[in-house]
C-alpha atoms as a PDB file:
ATOM      1  CA  MET A   1       0.000   0.000   0.000  1.00  0.00           C
ATOM      2  CA  SER A   2       1.345   3.474  -0.866  1.00  0.00           C
ATOM      3  CA  ASN A   3       1.763   6.370   1.559  1.00  0.00           C
ATOM      4  CA  LEU A   4      -0.844   8.520  -0.185  1.00  0.00           C
ATOM      5  CA  THR A   5      -2.296  11.275   1.998  1.00  0.00           C
ATOM      6  CA  PRO A   6      -5.644  12.139   0.375  1.00  0.00           C
ATOM      7  CA  ASN A   7      -6.491  15.790  -0.179  1.00  0.00           C
ATOM      8  CA  PRO A   8      -9.835  16.957   1.312  1.00  0.00           C
ATOM      9  CA  ARG A   9     -11.851  16.055  -1.795  1.00  0.00           C
ATOM     10  CA  GLN A  10     -10.236  12.636  -2.120  1.00  0.00           C
ATOM     11  CA  ALA A  11     -10.851  11.989   1.586  1.00  0.00           C
ATOM     12  CA  ALA A  12     -14.495  12.948   1.042  1.00  0.00           C
ATOM     13  CA  VAL A  13     -14.733  10.589  -1.945  1.00  0.00           C
ATOM     14  CA  LEU A  14     -13.299   7.777   0.162  1.00  0.00           C
ATOM     15  CA  ALA A  15     -15.688   8.553   3.034  1.00  0.00           C
ATOM     16  CA  THR A  16     -18.630   8.507   0.610  1.00  0.00           C
ATOM     17  CA  VAL A  17     -17.699   5.087  -0.761  1.00  0.00           C
ATOM     18  CA  ILE A  18     -17.150   3.766   2.772  1.00  0.00           C
ATOM     19  CA  GLU A  19     -20.642   4.977   3.637  1.00  0.00           C
ATOM     20  CA  LEU A  20     -22.366   3.666   0.499  1.00  0.00           C
ATOM     21  CA  GLY A  21     -20.227   0.630  -0.245  1.00  0.00           C
ATOM     22  CA  THR A  22     -20.198   1.441  -3.954  1.00  0.00           C
ATOM     23  CA  ALA A  23     -20.637   4.511  -6.164  1.00  0.00           C
ATOM     24  CA  THR A  24     -20.563   5.403  -9.844  1.00  0.00           C
ATOM     25  CA  ILE A  25     -18.093   7.897 -11.275  1.00  0.00           C
ATOM     26  CA  GLU A  26     -21.019  10.015 -12.489  1.00  0.00           C
ATOM     27  CA  SER A  27     -22.664  10.165  -9.049  1.00  0.00           C
ATOM     28  CA  LEU A  28     -19.398  11.163  -7.405  1.00  0.00           C
ATOM     29  CA  ALA A  29     -18.791  13.895  -9.979  1.00  0.00           C
ATOM     30  CA  GLU A  30     -22.290  15.261  -9.395  1.00  0.00           C
ATOM     31  CA  ARG A  31     -21.971  15.028  -5.613  1.00  0.00           C
ATOM     32  CA  PHE A  32     -18.718  16.972  -5.492  1.00  0.00           C
ATOM     33  CA  GLY A  33     -19.385  19.323  -8.401  1.00  0.00           C
ATOM     34  CA  VAL A  34     -16.314  18.306 -10.398  1.00  0.00           C
ATOM     35  CA  THR A  35     -15.666  16.762 -13.802  1.00  0.00           C
ATOM     36  CA  LEU A  36     -15.662  13.060 -14.572  1.00  0.00           C
ATOM     37  CA  GLN A  37     -11.971  13.352 -15.378  1.00  0.00           C
ATOM     38  CA  THR A  38     -11.248  14.768 -11.907  1.00  0.00           C
ATOM     39  CA  VAL A  39     -13.133  11.944 -10.204  1.00  0.00           C
ATOM     40  CA  ARG A  40     -11.384   9.323 -12.332  1.00  0.00           C
ATOM     41  CA  ARG A  41      -8.024  10.808 -11.346  1.00  0.00           C
ATOM     42  CA  ASP A  42      -8.969  10.796  -7.660  1.00  0.00           C
ATOM     43  CA  VAL A  43     -10.276   7.244  -7.864  1.00  0.00           C
ATOM     44  CA  LYS A  44      -7.115   6.039  -9.599  1.00  0.00           C
ATOM     45  CA  LEU A  45      -4.923   7.509  -6.856  1.00  0.00           C
ATOM     46  CA  LEU A  46      -7.107   5.981  -4.140  1.00  0.00           C
ATOM     47  CA  SER A  47      -7.233   2.587  -5.823  1.00  0.00           C
ATOM     48  CA  ASP A  48      -3.466   2.598  -6.434  1.00  0.00           C
ATOM     49  CA  ALA A  49      -3.078   3.192  -2.691  1.00  0.00           C
ATOM     50  CA  GLY A  50      -5.250   0.136  -2.000  1.00  0.00           C
ATOM     51  CA  LEU A  51      -8.048   2.178  -0.462  1.00  0.00           C
ATOM     52  CA  LEU A  52     -10.647   1.574  -3.191  1.00  0.00           C
ATOM     53  CA  ALA A  53     -11.279  -0.956  -5.941  1.00  0.00           C
ATOM     54  CA  ARG A  54     -12.403   0.171  -9.414  1.00  0.00           C
ATOM     55  CA  PHE A  55     -14.896  -1.513 -11.680  1.00  0.00           C
ATOM     56  CA  HIS A  56     -16.336  -0.410 -15.008  1.00  0.00           C
ATOM     57  CA  GLY A  57     -18.041   2.934 -14.403  1.00  0.00           C
ATOM     58  CA  GLY A  58     -17.654   2.927 -10.651  1.00  0.00           C
ATOM     59  CA  VAL A  59     -15.732   2.238  -7.495  1.00  0.00           C
ATOM     60  CA  ARG A  60     -16.220   0.154  -4.355  1.00  0.00           C
ATOM     61  CA  LEU A  61     -14.449  -0.778  -1.165  1.00  0.00           C
ATOM     62  CA  PRO A  62     -11.667  -3.357  -1.534  1.00  0.00           C
ATOM     63  CA  ALA A  63     -13.903  -5.781   0.440  1.00  0.00           C
ATOM     64  CA  SER A  64     -11.121  -6.757   2.788  1.00  0.00           C
ATOM     65  CA  THR A  65     -12.106  -8.026   6.221  1.00  0.00           C
ATOM     66  CA  THR A  66      -8.483  -8.535   7.213  1.00  0.00           C
ATOM     67  CA  GLU A  67      -6.809  -5.119   6.915  1.00  0.00           C
ATOM     68  CA  ASN A  68      -7.854  -1.682   8.098  1.00  0.00           C
ATOM     69  CA  ILE A  69      -7.261   1.592   6.277  1.00  0.00           C
ATOM     70  CA  ALA A  70      -3.851   3.067   7.134  1.00  0.00           C
ATOM     71  CA  TYR A  71      -3.743   5.149  10.313  1.00  0.00           C
ATOM     72  CA  ARG A  72      -2.681   8.437   8.705  1.00  0.00           C
ATOM     73  CA  GLN A  73      -5.503   8.177   6.189  1.00  0.00           C
ATOM     74  CA  ARG A  74      -8.045   7.246   8.878  1.00  0.00           C
ATOM     75  CA  GLN A  75      -7.082  10.434  10.716  1.00  0.00           C
ATOM     76  CA  GLN A  76      -8.412  12.467   7.784  1.00  0.00           C
ATOM     77  CA  LEU A  77     -11.615  10.520   7.219  1.00  0.00           C
ATOM     78  CA  ASN A  78     -14.815  11.986   8.653  1.00  0.00           C
ATOM     79  CA  GLU A  79     -12.861  14.523  10.689  1.00  0.00           C
ATOM     80  CA  ASP A  80     -15.884  16.744  11.304  1.00  0.00           C
ATOM     81  CA  ALA A  81     -17.951  13.751  12.423  1.00  0.00           C
ATOM     82  CA  LYS A  82     -15.247  12.619  14.836  1.00  0.00           C
ATOM     83  CA  ARG A  83     -14.939  16.096  16.322  1.00  0.00           C
ATOM     84  CA  ALA A  84     -18.710  16.319  16.794  1.00  0.00           C
ATOM     85  CA  ILE A  85     -18.786  12.896  18.436  1.00  0.00           C
ATOM     86  CA  ALA A  86     -15.855  13.856  20.664  1.00  0.00           C
ATOM     87  CA  ARG A  87     -17.614  17.020  21.855  1.00  0.00           C
ATOM     88  CA  ALA A  88     -20.768  15.058  22.661  1.00  0.00           C
ATOM     89  CA  VAL A  89     -18.794  12.438  24.591  1.00  0.00           C
ATOM     90  CA  ALA A  90     -16.918  15.109  26.570  1.00  0.00           C
ATOM     91  CA  ALA A  91     -20.229  16.753  27.470  1.00  0.00           C
ATOM     92  CA  GLN A  92     -21.353  13.468  29.067  1.00  0.00           C
ATOM     93  CA  VAL A  93     -18.114  12.647  30.914  1.00  0.00           C
ATOM     94  CA  PRO A  94     -18.398  13.916  34.509  1.00  0.00           C
ATOM     95  CA  GLU A  95     -15.422  15.470  36.197  1.00  0.00           C
ATOM     96  CA  GLY A  96     -13.687  13.374  38.803  1.00  0.00           C
ATOM     97  CA  CYS A  97     -14.332  10.006  37.138  1.00  0.00           C
ATOM     98  CA  SER A  98     -12.145   7.161  35.939  1.00  0.00           C
ATOM     99  CA  LEU A  99     -12.159   5.903  32.375  1.00  0.00           C
ATOM    100  CA  PHE A 100     -10.448   3.820  29.740  1.00  0.00           C
ATOM    101  CA  LEU A 101      -9.635   5.175  26.279  1.00  0.00           C
ATOM    102  CA  ASN A 102      -8.521   2.631  23.686  1.00  0.00           C
ATOM    103  CA  ILE A 103      -6.880   2.746  20.267  1.00  0.00           C
ATOM    104  CA  GLY A 104      -8.415   4.814  17.488  1.00  0.00           C
ATOM    105  CA  THR A 105      -8.596   8.192  15.809  1.00  0.00           C
ATOM    106  CA  THR A 106     -12.009   8.898  17.367  1.00  0.00           C
ATOM    107  CA  THR A 107     -10.750   8.254  20.894  1.00  0.00           C
ATOM    108  CA  GLU A 108      -7.860  10.618  20.153  1.00  0.00           C
ATOM    109  CA  ALA A 109     -10.390  13.291  19.174  1.00  0.00           C
ATOM    110  CA  ILE A 110     -12.184  12.618  22.471  1.00  0.00           C
ATOM    111  CA  ALA A 111      -8.917  13.084  24.370  1.00  0.00           C
ATOM    112  CA  HIS A 112      -8.569  16.575  22.876  1.00  0.00           C
ATOM    113  CA  GLU A 113     -12.052  17.448  24.123  1.00  0.00           C
ATOM    114  CA  LEU A 114     -11.206  16.290  27.660  1.00  0.00           C
ATOM    115  CA  LEU A 115      -8.303  18.709  28.096  1.00  0.00           C
ATOM    116  CA  ARG A 116     -10.351  21.044  30.320  1.00  0.00           C
ATOM    117  CA  HIS A 117     -11.907  18.327  32.488  1.00  0.00           C
ATOM    118  CA  ARG A 118     -10.795  18.163  36.111  1.00  0.00           C
ATOM    119  CA  GLY A 119     -10.045  15.206  38.319  1.00  0.00           C
ATOM    120  CA  LEU A 120      -9.961  12.562  35.619  1.00  0.00           C
ATOM    121  CA  ARG A 121      -8.025   9.335  35.917  1.00  0.00           C
ATOM    122  CA  VAL A 122      -7.498   7.920  32.435  1.00  0.00           C
ATOM    123  CA  ILE A 123      -6.053   4.509  31.652  1.00  0.00           C
ATOM    124  CA  THR A 124      -5.089   4.059  28.018  1.00  0.00           C
ATOM    125  CA  ASN A 125      -3.286   1.719  25.659  1.00  0.00           C
ATOM    126  CA  ASN A 126      -2.908   4.564  23.157  1.00  0.00           C
ATOM    127  CA  LEU A 127       0.309   6.598  23.351  1.00  0.00           C
ATOM    128  CA  ASN A 128      -1.293   9.365  21.267  1.00  0.00           C
ATOM    129  CA  VAL A 129      -4.095   9.699  23.846  1.00  0.00           C
ATOM    130  CA  ALA A 130      -1.528   9.725  26.655  1.00  0.00           C
ATOM    131  CA  ALA A 131       0.469  12.494  24.952  1.00  0.00           C
ATOM    132  CA  ILE A 132      -2.658  14.600  24.386  1.00  0.00           C
ATOM    133  CA  LEU A 133      -3.993  14.279  27.941  1.00  0.00           C
ATOM    134  CA  SER A 134      -0.580  14.825  29.521  1.00  0.00           C
ATOM    135  CA  ASP A 135      -1.191  18.513  28.722  1.00  0.00           C
ATOM    136  CA  ASN A 136      -4.062  18.497  31.237  1.00  0.00           C
ATOM    137  CA  PRO A 137      -2.528  19.028  34.699  1.00  0.00           C
ATOM    138  CA  ASP A 138      -5.808  17.956  36.362  1.00  0.00           C
ATOM    139  CA  CYS A 139      -5.800  14.552  34.647  1.00  0.00           C
ATOM    140  CA  GLU A 140      -3.821  11.552  35.841  1.00  0.00           C
ATOM    141  CA  VAL A 141      -2.811   9.399  32.876  1.00  0.00           C
ATOM    142  CA  ILE A 142      -1.907   5.738  33.347  1.00  0.00           C
ATOM    143  CA  VAL A 143      -0.346   3.995  30.338  1.00  0.00           C
ATOM    144  CA  ALA A 144      -0.798   0.257  29.917  1.00  0.00           C
ATOM    145  CA  GLY A 145       2.257  -1.894  29.398  1.00  0.00           C
ATOM    146  CA  GLY A 146       2.734  -4.083  26.353  1.00  0.00           C
ATOM    147  CA  VAL A 147       3.991  -4.006  22.782  1.00  0.00           C
ATOM    148  CA  VAL A 148       3.813  -0.666  20.938  1.00  0.00           C
ATOM    149  CA  ARG A 149       2.337  -1.009  17.447  1.00  0.00           C
ATOM    150  CA  HIS A 150       4.451   1.343  15.353  1.00  0.00           C
ATOM    151  CA  ARG A 151       1.795   2.354  12.810  1.00  0.00           C
ATOM    152  CA  ASP A 152      -0.538   4.040  15.309  1.00  0.00           C
ATOM    153  CA  ARG A 153       1.245   3.920  18.705  1.00  0.00           C
ATOM    154  CA  GLY A 154      -1.326   1.532  20.119  1.00  0.00           C
ATOM    155  CA  ILE A 155      -0.211  -0.810  22.900  1.00  0.00           C
ATOM    156  CA  ILE A 156      -1.305  -4.435  22.591  1.00  0.00           C
ATOM    157  CA  GLY A 157      -0.482  -7.926  23.790  1.00  0.00           C
ATOM    158  CA  GLU A 158      -1.069 -10.220  26.751  1.00  0.00           C
ATOM    159  CA  ALA A 159       0.741  -7.856  29.121  1.00  0.00           C
ATOM    160  CA  THR A 160      -1.735  -5.130  28.165  1.00  0.00           C
ATOM    161  CA  VAL A 161      -4.729  -7.395  28.805  1.00  0.00           C
ATOM    162  CA  GLU A 162      -3.346  -8.436  32.207  1.00  0.00           C
ATOM    163  CA  PHE A 163      -2.633  -4.812  33.146  1.00  0.00           C
ATOM    164  CA  ILE A 164      -6.172  -3.658  32.313  1.00  0.00           C
ATOM    165  CA  GLY A 165      -7.629  -6.540  34.312  1.00  0.00           C
ATOM    166  CA  GLN A 166      -6.355  -4.941  37.531  1.00  0.00           C
ATOM    167  CA  PHE A 167      -8.830  -2.050  37.259  1.00  0.00           C
ATOM    168  CA  ARG A 168     -12.532  -1.345  37.546  1.00  0.00           C
ATOM    169  CA  VAL A 169     -13.374   2.067  36.060  1.00  0.00           C
ATOM    170  CA  ASP A 170     -16.497   4.184  35.690  1.00  0.00           C
ATOM    171  CA  ILE A 171     -16.487   4.429  31.886  1.00  0.00           C
ATOM    172  CA  GLY A 172     -14.837   2.342  29.183  1.00  0.00           C
ATOM    173  CA  LEU A 173     -14.670   4.454  26.013  1.00  0.00           C
ATOM    174  CA  ILE A 174     -13.950   2.358  22.955  1.00  0.00           C
ATOM    175  CA  GLY A 175     -13.815   2.833  19.220  1.00  0.00           C
ATOM    176  CA  ILE A 176     -14.585   0.130  16.688  1.00  0.00           C
ATOM    177  CA  SER A 177     -13.875  -0.648  13.028  1.00  0.00           C
ATOM    178  CA  GLY A 178     -17.277  -2.032  12.120  1.00  0.00           C
ATOM    179  CA  ILE A 179     -20.776  -2.819  13.384  1.00  0.00           C
ATOM    180  CA  GLU A 180     -22.509  -5.546  11.404  1.00  0.00           C
ATOM    181  CA  ALA A 181     -26.246  -5.873  10.819  1.00  0.00           C
ATOM    182  CA  ASP A 182     -26.562  -8.670  13.402  1.00  0.00           C
ATOM    183  CA  GLY A 183     -25.262  -6.359  16.147  1.00  0.00           C
ATOM    184  CA  THR A 184     -21.723  -7.736  16.163  1.00  0.00           C
ATOM    185  CA  LEU A 185     -18.889  -5.305  16.950  1.00  0.00           C
ATOM    186  CA  ARG A 186     -15.802  -6.087  14.873  1.00  0.00           C
ATOM    187  CA  ASP A 187     -12.183  -5.056  14.396  1.00  0.00           C
ATOM    188  CA  PHE A 188      -9.166  -6.149  12.370  1.00  0.00           C
ATOM    189  CA  ASP A 189      -6.364  -7.021  14.818  1.00  0.00           C
ATOM    190  CA  TYR A 190      -7.132  -9.874  17.223  1.00  0.00           C
ATOM    191  CA  ARG A 191      -4.543  -8.527  19.686  1.00  0.00           C
ATOM    192  CA  GLU A 192      -6.312  -5.153  19.733  1.00  0.00           C
ATOM    193  CA  VAL A 193      -9.622  -6.975  20.142  1.00  0.00           C
ATOM    194  CA  LYS A 194      -8.350  -8.806  23.225  1.00  0.00           C
ATOM    195  CA  VAL A 195      -7.539  -5.444  24.805  1.00  0.00           C
ATOM    196  CA  ALA A 196     -10.958  -4.002  23.907  1.00  0.00           C
ATOM    197  CA  GLN A 197     -12.642  -7.054  25.459  1.00  0.00           C
ATOM    198  CA  ALA A 198     -10.611  -6.545  28.638  1.00  0.00           C
ATOM    199  CA  ILE A 199     -11.736  -2.897  28.749  1.00  0.00           C
ATOM    200  CA  ILE A 200     -15.383  -3.959  28.403  1.00  0.00           C
ATOM    201  CA  ARG A 201     -15.014  -6.415  31.296  1.00  0.00           C
ATOM    202  CA  ALA A 202     -13.314  -3.806  33.502  1.00  0.00           C
ATOM    203  CA  SER A 203     -15.830  -0.974  32.946  1.00  0.00           C
ATOM    204  CA  ARG A 204     -19.002  -0.184  34.863  1.00  0.00           C
ATOM    205  CA  GLN A 205     -20.378   1.470  31.744  1.00  0.00           C
ATOM    206  CA  VAL A 206     -19.253   0.926  28.155  1.00  0.00           C
ATOM    207  CA  TRP A 207     -19.523   3.859  25.743  1.00  0.00           C
ATOM    208  CA  LEU A 208     -18.975   3.250  22.033  1.00  0.00           C
ATOM    209  CA  ALA A 209     -17.898   6.064  19.697  1.00  0.00           C
ATOM    210  CA  ALA A 210     -18.535   5.216  16.036  1.00  0.00           C
ATOM    211  CA  ASP A 211     -19.179   7.516  13.085  1.00  0.00           C
ATOM    212  CA  HIS A 212     -21.710   6.626  10.378  1.00  0.00           C
ATOM    213  CA  SER A 213     -19.118   4.849   8.195  1.00  0.00           C
ATOM    214  CA  LYS A 214     -18.781   2.060  10.776  1.00  0.00           C
ATOM    215  CA  PHE A 215     -22.314   0.717  10.255  1.00  0.00           C
ATOM    216  CA  ASN A 216     -22.387  -2.357   7.976  1.00  0.00           C
ATOM    217  CA  ARG A 217     -18.592  -2.280   7.635  1.00  0.00           C
ATOM    218  CA  PRO A 218     -17.067  -5.774   7.706  1.00  0.00           C
ATOM    219  CA  ALA A 219     -14.017  -6.723   9.768  1.00  0.00           C
ATOM    220  CA  MET A 220     -12.545 -10.070  10.674  1.00  0.00           C
ATOM    221  CA  VAL A 221     -12.530 -10.332  14.482  1.00  0.00           C
ATOM    222  CA  GLU A 222     -15.505 -10.140  16.837  1.00  0.00           C
ATOM    223  CA  VAL A 223     -15.060  -7.748  19.758  1.00  0.00           C
ATOM    224  CA  GLY A 224     -18.491  -8.237  21.273  1.00  0.00           C
ATOM    225  CA  ARG A 225     -22.126  -7.328  20.711  1.00  0.00           C
ATOM    226  CA  LEU A 226     -24.238  -4.215  20.961  1.00  0.00           C
ATOM    227  CA  ASP A 227     -25.946  -5.458  24.118  1.00  0.00           C
ATOM    228  CA  GLN A 228     -22.606  -5.054  25.925  1.00  0.00           C
ATOM    229  CA  VAL A 229     -22.729  -1.305  25.224  1.00  0.00           C
ATOM    230  CA  ASP A 230     -24.557   1.225  27.401  1.00  0.00           C
ATOM    231  CA  LEU A 231     -24.276   4.303  25.187  1.00  0.00           C
ATOM    232  CA  LEU A 232     -23.489   4.818  21.497  1.00  0.00           C
ATOM    233  CA  PHE A 233     -22.208   8.137  20.170  1.00  0.00           C
ATOM    234  CA  THR A 234     -22.478   8.668  16.411  1.00  0.00           C
ATOM    235  CA  ASP A 235     -22.946  11.507  13.927  1.00  0.00           C
ATOM    236  CA  SER A 236     -26.123  10.530  12.058  1.00  0.00           C
ATOM    237  CA  ALA A 237     -29.174   8.366  12.630  1.00  0.00           C
ATOM    238  CA  PRO A 238     -28.188   4.674  12.403  1.00  0.00           C
ATOM    239  CA  PRO A 239     -29.548   2.989   9.256  1.00  0.00           C
ATOM    240  CA  PRO A 240     -31.885  -0.027   9.400  1.00  0.00           C
ATOM    241  CA  PRO A 241     -31.766  -2.420  11.164  1.00  0.00           C
ATOM    242  CA  PHE A 242     -29.567  -0.726  13.760  1.00  0.00           C
ATOM    243  CA  GLU A 243     -32.238   1.503  15.286  1.00  0.00           C
ATOM    244  CA  SER A 244     -34.288  -1.547  16.262  1.00  0.00           C
ATOM    245  CA  LEU A 245     -31.174  -3.453  17.368  1.00  0.00           C
ATOM    246  CA  LEU A 246     -30.226  -0.592  19.686  1.00  0.00           C
ATOM    247  CA  ALA A 247     -33.742  -0.443  21.115  1.00  0.00           C
ATOM    248  CA  GLU A 248     -33.849  -4.203  21.712  1.00  0.00           C
ATOM    249  CA  ALA A 249     -30.455  -4.109  23.430  1.00  0.00           C
ATOM    250  CA  GLY A 250     -31.414  -1.081  25.554  1.00  0.00           C
ATOM    251  CA  VAL A 251     -28.526   0.975  24.189  1.00  0.00           C
ATOM    252  CA  GLY A 252     -28.842   4.747  24.384  1.00  0.00           C
ATOM    253  CA  CYS A 253     -27.840   6.598  21.203  1.00  0.00           C
ATOM    254  CA  ILE A 254     -26.563  10.171  21.093  1.00  0.00           C
ATOM    255  CA  ILE A 255     -26.297  11.780  17.657  1.00  0.00           C
ATOM    256  CA  ALA A 256     -23.872  14.680  17.331  1.00  0.00           C
ATOM    257  CA  ASN A 257     -23.192  16.812  14.262  1.00  0.00           C
ATOM    258  CA  ALA A 258     -22.746  20.448  13.281  1.00  0.00           C
ATOM    259  CA  ALA A 259     -26.451  21.146  13.886  1.00  0.00           C
ATOM    260  CA  ASN A 260     -26.363  19.482  17.317  1.00  0.00           C
ATOM    261  CA  PRO A 261     -22.820  19.943  18.683  1.00  0.00           C
ATOM    262  CA  ALA A 262     -23.738  18.649  22.142  1.00  0.00           C
ATOM    263  CA  GLY A 263     -25.657  15.717  20.679  1.00  0.00           C
ATOM    264  CA  THR A 264     -29.298  14.701  20.792  1.00  0.00           C
ATOM    265  CA  THR A 265     -30.689  11.492  22.197  1.00  0.00           C
ATOM    266  CA  ALA A 266     -32.009   9.281  19.416  1.00  0.00           C
ATOM    267  CA  THR A 267     -33.826   6.750  21.585  1.00  0.00           C
ATOM    268  CA  ASP A 268     -36.105   6.888  24.573  1.00  0.00           C
ATOM    269  CA  ASP A 269     -34.017   4.292  26.360  1.00  0.00           C
ATOM    270  CA  ASP A 270     -32.168   5.651  29.384  1.00  0.00           C
ATOM    271  CA  PRO A 271     -28.705   4.078  29.644  1.00  0.00           C
ATOM    272  CA  GLY A 272     -28.501   5.201  33.224  1.00  0.00           C
ATOM    273  CA  ASP A 273     -27.104   8.270  34.909  1.00  0.00           C
ATOM    274  CA  PRO A 274     -23.437   8.990  34.289  1.00  0.00           C
ATOM    275  CA  PRO A 275     -21.230   7.602  37.028  1.00  0.00           C
END
C-alpha cells in the first residue's frame, strides 16, 4: 500500500464510498461538483493506494475483512464527524471520574475534548491519547504496558490485557472498526480486540464512539455485541436495522453533528445516569 495522503476532496470521496459501499463515477462527480476526469483521477490515486477498488463505471471498497485503512488516512476521514462525536462524549463525561480510552482516531479526538476536564483518571493503551492528555494538569494518565504497534502507537499484547484486568473504572470508552447488521462489533487485529474485550469487562459502563461509516462495515474479528454497550455516540441516525437493534439491546444513542454539537438522544431508552 502506498503512503498517499488524500487531499480533502479525495478523503471525502473515500468517506462517501465507505458509507455507500459502492458509487458510480457520475454520481461522485455530481456530488462533489467536479468533472468526470477529476473523479477518475482521484479514484485512480485511491485505488493505487489500496483504499478503493475500481470496476467499469464505478468504485467500491476493496472488500477486505483482514486489513484496516492506514492510520494516517483514517485520521483524515470523517474529521468533522469525529470532532462532533468527541464534543458530545466530553459533554457526558463527569469530572472526577475514571475511564479507559482505547486505540483509534475517534478516541484521540475525544482526548482533545477532555483537556479542560478536572479530576480525571485515564487509563489508556494509546500513546497518542496519553500524549494529548498529559497537557491536562488535572488529569492523571496511566499507560498500559505491552507491545507498541508502530503504525498508530497503540499498545497491545497479553501484558496489556493483564494490566487492564487490575482495574474497575467508571467508563470504558472504545472505538470500533465495524458494526454488522446482526449487532456484532468487529475489528481487524485480534490482539487489539483482546484489549478491547478486557476494557469492556473492567468498565461499569461501556460507551462506544462510532461515526456513520462504521455501520455495515465488515471486519474479521468479533469484539463483542451491541448489548454489551450502554451508550453509542455517532454523527447521524443509524440505518436499518440498527435503530431496532439498539432499542432491543437497551442501548442509548446520542447523535452529534454540526447542527447538534452537544448531541441529541435518538432513543427513549435511558442508559442510566453517568457515574
